[in-house]
Amino acid sequence: MLVLTTPNIEGQKIIRYLGLVSGEAILGANIFKDFFASIRDIVGGRSAAYENELRKAKDIAIEEMKEQARTLGANAVVGVDLDYETIGIGSGGNMLMVSASGTAIVYEE
């Protein structure tokens, strides 16, 4: 399934727009503690472990979005937007949410 940030597929005809689809993944506070415990991964101000977890969360969100699109009968998702947000949960700390959203379509293959 094609997943694009552009509103259309160059050279392809969109037959039907099926609506908004989305997917989310949330990283819990324990993950942040694990990252800080492995501070040795930080090289030049970057943490490989943290980046890998964010990448996994992004992949999960995109897969959920694609699955929702498949359920609608789509063969592509266009206009995809990825958002990263922190969510405060009382005094229990923060969580990070990664969300992906776009428009499920059917295009002429």
Protein backbone atom coordinates (compact mmCIF):
# COMPACT_ATOMS: atom_id res chain seq x y z
CA MET A 1 0.00 0.00 0.00
CA LEU A 2 1.32 3.41 -0.95
CA VAL A 3 1.64 5.92 1.89
CA LEU A 4 2.40 9.45 0.73
CA THR A 5 2.61 12.89 2.29
CA THR A 6 1.50 14.46 -1.00
CA PRO A 7 -2.21 15.05 -1.71
CA ASN A 8 -2.13 12.97 -4.90
CA ILE A 9 -0.10 10.36 -6.76
CA GLU A 10 1.70 11.89 -9.69
CA GLY A 11 0.61 10.30 -12.95
CA GLN A 12 -2.17 8.27 -11.31
CA LYS A 13 -5.92 8.86 -11.28
CA ILE A 14 -7.68 8.79 -7.91
CA ILE A 15 -10.98 6.94 -8.34
CA ARG A 16 -12.45 7.29 -4.83
CA TYR A 17 -11.75 9.12 -1.60
CA LEU A 18 -12.70 6.87 1.33
CA GLY A 19 -12.10 9.23 4.23
CA LEU A 20 -9.75 9.98 7.08
CA VAL A 21 -7.71 7.15 8.58
CA SER A 22 -5.34 7.30 11.54
CA GLY A 23 -3.13 5.31 13.83
CA GLU A 24 -1.51 6.03 17.17
CA ALA A 25 1.26 4.67 19.35
CA ILE A 26 2.10 5.77 22.88
CA LEU A 27 5.45 5.44 24.65
CA GLY A 28 5.13 5.18 28.42
CA ALA A 29 7.14 6.92 31.12
CA ASN A 30 9.15 3.77 31.86
CA ILE A 31 10.67 3.96 28.42
CA PHE A 32 12.04 7.41 29.23
CA LYS A 33 13.62 6.08 32.44
CA ASP A 34 15.24 3.28 30.45
CA PHE A 35 16.63 5.82 27.99
CA PHE A 36 18.17 7.94 30.70
CA ALA A 37 19.62 4.83 32.34
CA SER A 38 21.41 4.08 29.08
CA ILE A 39 22.82 7.59 28.69
CA ARG A 40 26.02 6.04 27.37
CA ASP A 41 24.23 5.73 24.01
CA ILE A 42 24.32 9.48 23.61
CA VAL A 43 26.92 10.55 21.07
CA GLY A 44 27.00 14.09 19.84
CA GLY A 45 23.75 14.91 21.67
CA ARG A 46 21.77 11.99 20.16
CA SER A 47 20.47 8.83 21.79
CA ALA A 48 20.32 5.81 19.48
CA ALA A 49 18.03 3.93 21.89
CA TYR A 50 15.58 6.85 22.07
CA GLU A 51 15.59 7.31 18.30
CA ASN A 52 14.96 3.59 17.78
CA GLU A 53 11.95 3.66 20.12
CA LEU A 54 10.52 6.71 18.35
CA ARG A 55 11.02 4.99 15.00
CA LYS A 56 9.18 1.89 16.30
CA ALA A 57 6.31 4.05 17.55
CA LYS A 58 6.11 5.81 14.17
CA ASP A 59 6.05 2.45 12.36
CA ILE A 60 3.27 1.17 14.64
CA ALA A 61 1.17 4.31 14.03
CA ILE A 62 1.62 4.03 10.25
CA GLU A 63 0.77 0.31 10.26
CA GLU A 64 -2.44 1.00 12.22
CA MET A 65 -3.37 3.72 9.74
CA LYS A 66 -2.70 1.39 6.78
CA GLU A 67 -4.78 -1.39 8.36
CA GLN A 68 -7.69 1.01 8.80
CA ALA A 69 -7.32 2.03 5.13
CA ARG A 70 -7.28 -1.64 4.00
CA THR A 71 -10.49 -2.25 5.93
CA LEU A 72 -12.12 0.54 3.90
CA GLY A 73 -10.88 -1.02 0.64
CA ALA A 74 -8.13 1.53 -0.06
CA ASN A 75 -4.94 0.83 -1.97
CA ALA A 76 -3.17 4.04 -0.83
CA VAL A 77 -3.17 6.76 1.82
CA VAL A 78 -2.36 10.31 0.74
CA GLY A 79 -1.82 13.57 2.61
CA VAL A 80 -0.19 11.73 5.51
CA ASP A 81 0.79 13.81 8.53
CA LEU A 82 2.90 12.55 11.45
CA ASP A 83 2.61 14.23 14.84
CA TYR A 84 4.63 13.75 18.02
CA GLU A 85 3.12 15.01 21.28
CA THR A 86 3.81 14.66 24.97
CA ILE A 87 0.90 13.83 27.21
CA GLY A 88 1.05 14.78 30.89
CA ILE A 89 -0.56 12.23 33.17
CA GLY A 90 -1.01 13.74 36.61
CA SER A 91 2.11 13.42 38.73
CA GLY A 92 2.93 10.09 37.03
CA GLY A 93 5.07 11.73 34.38
CA ASN A 94 4.76 12.15 30.66
CA MET A 95 4.04 9.87 27.77
CA LEU A 96 4.89 10.43 24.14
CA MET A 97 2.22 9.89 21.49
CA VAL A 98 2.99 9.41 17.83
CA SER A 99 0.03 9.73 15.50
CA ALA A 100 -0.30 9.26 11.76
CA SER A 101 -3.31 10.44 9.77
CA GLY A 102 -4.18 10.72 6.11
CA THR A 103 -6.87 10.17 3.50
CA ALA A 104 -7.59 6.63 2.34
CA ILE A 105 -8.09 6.43 -1.42
CA VAL A 106 -8.49 4.03 -4.29
CA TYR A 107 -6.35 4.89 -7.28
CA GLU A 108 -6.22 3.34 -10.72
CA GLU A 109 -3.26 0.97 -10.85
